[in-house]
Amino acid sequence: MPIIVNLDVMLAKRKMRSRDLAPLVGITEQNISLLKSGKVKGVRFDTLERICAVLDCQPGDILEFVANASQAPQT
């Protein structure tokens, strides 16, 4: 998939855990985990907005487009 999710990187930069982020965003820890692993087909803009607000970041800090994702390094 050409979209890479770097949520785990942002969580590490903010010294926050998924279990702490989940209630602040209003979704389950399991859904945070699925998003981090890239196993979701999409994310609602309001969810992305809340994640960015809590982590004080931009959507581009979390989502990255890689033209040839099969050769992209796995994070």
Protein backbone atom coordinates (compact mmCIF):
# COMPACT_ATOMS: atom_id res chain seq x y z
CA MET A 1 0.00 0.00 0.00
CA PRO A 2 1.48 3.39 -0.91
CA ILE A 3 0.28 5.05 2.32
CA ILE A 4 2.53 4.43 5.32
CA VAL A 5 1.17 5.13 8.82
CA ASN A 6 3.77 6.66 11.14
CA LEU A 7 1.53 6.91 14.19
CA ASP A 8 3.93 4.82 16.27
CA VAL A 9 6.73 7.30 15.47
CA MET A 10 4.61 10.27 16.61
CA LEU A 11 3.59 8.44 19.78
CA ALA A 12 7.26 7.78 20.56
CA LYS A 13 8.17 11.43 19.90
CA ARG A 14 5.42 12.55 22.28
CA LYS A 15 6.33 9.84 24.83
CA MET A 16 2.76 8.57 24.77
CA ARG A 17 1.30 5.08 24.60
CA SER A 18 -1.60 3.85 22.53
CA ARG A 19 -3.59 3.16 25.69
CA ASP A 20 -3.21 6.82 26.67
CA LEU A 21 -4.10 8.14 23.21
CA ALA A 22 -7.22 6.02 22.70
CA PRO A 23 -9.51 7.64 25.31
CA LEU A 24 -8.31 11.13 24.38
CA VAL A 25 -9.24 10.49 20.74
CA GLY A 26 -12.44 8.60 21.54
CA ILE A 27 -11.63 5.29 19.86
CA THR A 28 -10.59 1.93 21.24
CA GLU A 29 -7.00 0.91 21.87
CA GLN A 30 -7.57 -1.94 19.41
CA ASN A 31 -8.49 0.56 16.67
CA ILE A 32 -5.36 2.59 17.46
CA SER A 33 -3.35 -0.62 17.12
CA LEU A 34 -4.97 -1.43 13.76
CA LEU A 35 -4.26 2.08 12.53
CA LYS A 36 -0.61 1.87 13.66
CA SER A 37 -0.15 -1.40 11.81
CA GLY A 38 -1.68 -0.05 8.61
CA LYS A 39 -4.38 -2.73 8.60
CA VAL A 40 -7.21 -0.23 8.13
CA LYS A 41 -8.58 0.81 4.74
CA GLY A 42 -9.30 4.36 5.84
CA VAL A 43 -9.55 6.81 8.69
CA ARG A 44 -12.27 9.38 9.27
CA PHE A 45 -11.16 12.98 9.05
CA ASP A 46 -12.63 13.75 12.47
CA THR A 47 -10.60 10.91 13.98
CA LEU A 48 -7.45 12.14 12.23
CA GLU A 49 -8.23 15.66 13.46
CA ARG A 50 -8.50 14.48 17.09
CA ILE A 51 -5.27 12.45 16.81
CA CYS A 52 -3.45 15.49 15.44
CA ALA A 53 -4.89 17.74 18.15
CA VAL A 54 -3.81 15.38 20.95
CA LEU A 55 -0.34 14.76 19.46
CA ASP A 56 0.08 18.40 18.37
CA CYS A 57 1.05 17.42 14.84
CA GLN A 58 -0.05 17.63 11.21
CA PRO A 59 -1.70 14.79 9.22
CA GLY A 60 1.50 14.55 7.16
CA ASP A 61 3.40 13.66 10.32
CA ILE A 62 1.21 10.56 10.66
CA LEU A 63 0.49 9.58 7.05
CA GLU A 64 3.15 9.30 4.36
CA PHE A 65 2.76 8.59 0.65
CA VAL A 66 5.40 6.31 -0.86
CA ALA A 67 5.14 5.80 -4.60
CA ASN A 68 6.57 2.28 -4.55
CA ALA A 69 5.60 1.02 -1.09
CA SER A 70 6.76 -2.53 -1.80
CA GLN A 71 10.33 -1.23 -1.58
CA ALA A 72 9.70 1.13 1.33
CA PRO A 73 11.31 0.31 4.66
CA GLN A 74 8.87 -1.10 7.20
CA THR A 75 8.43 0.97 10.36
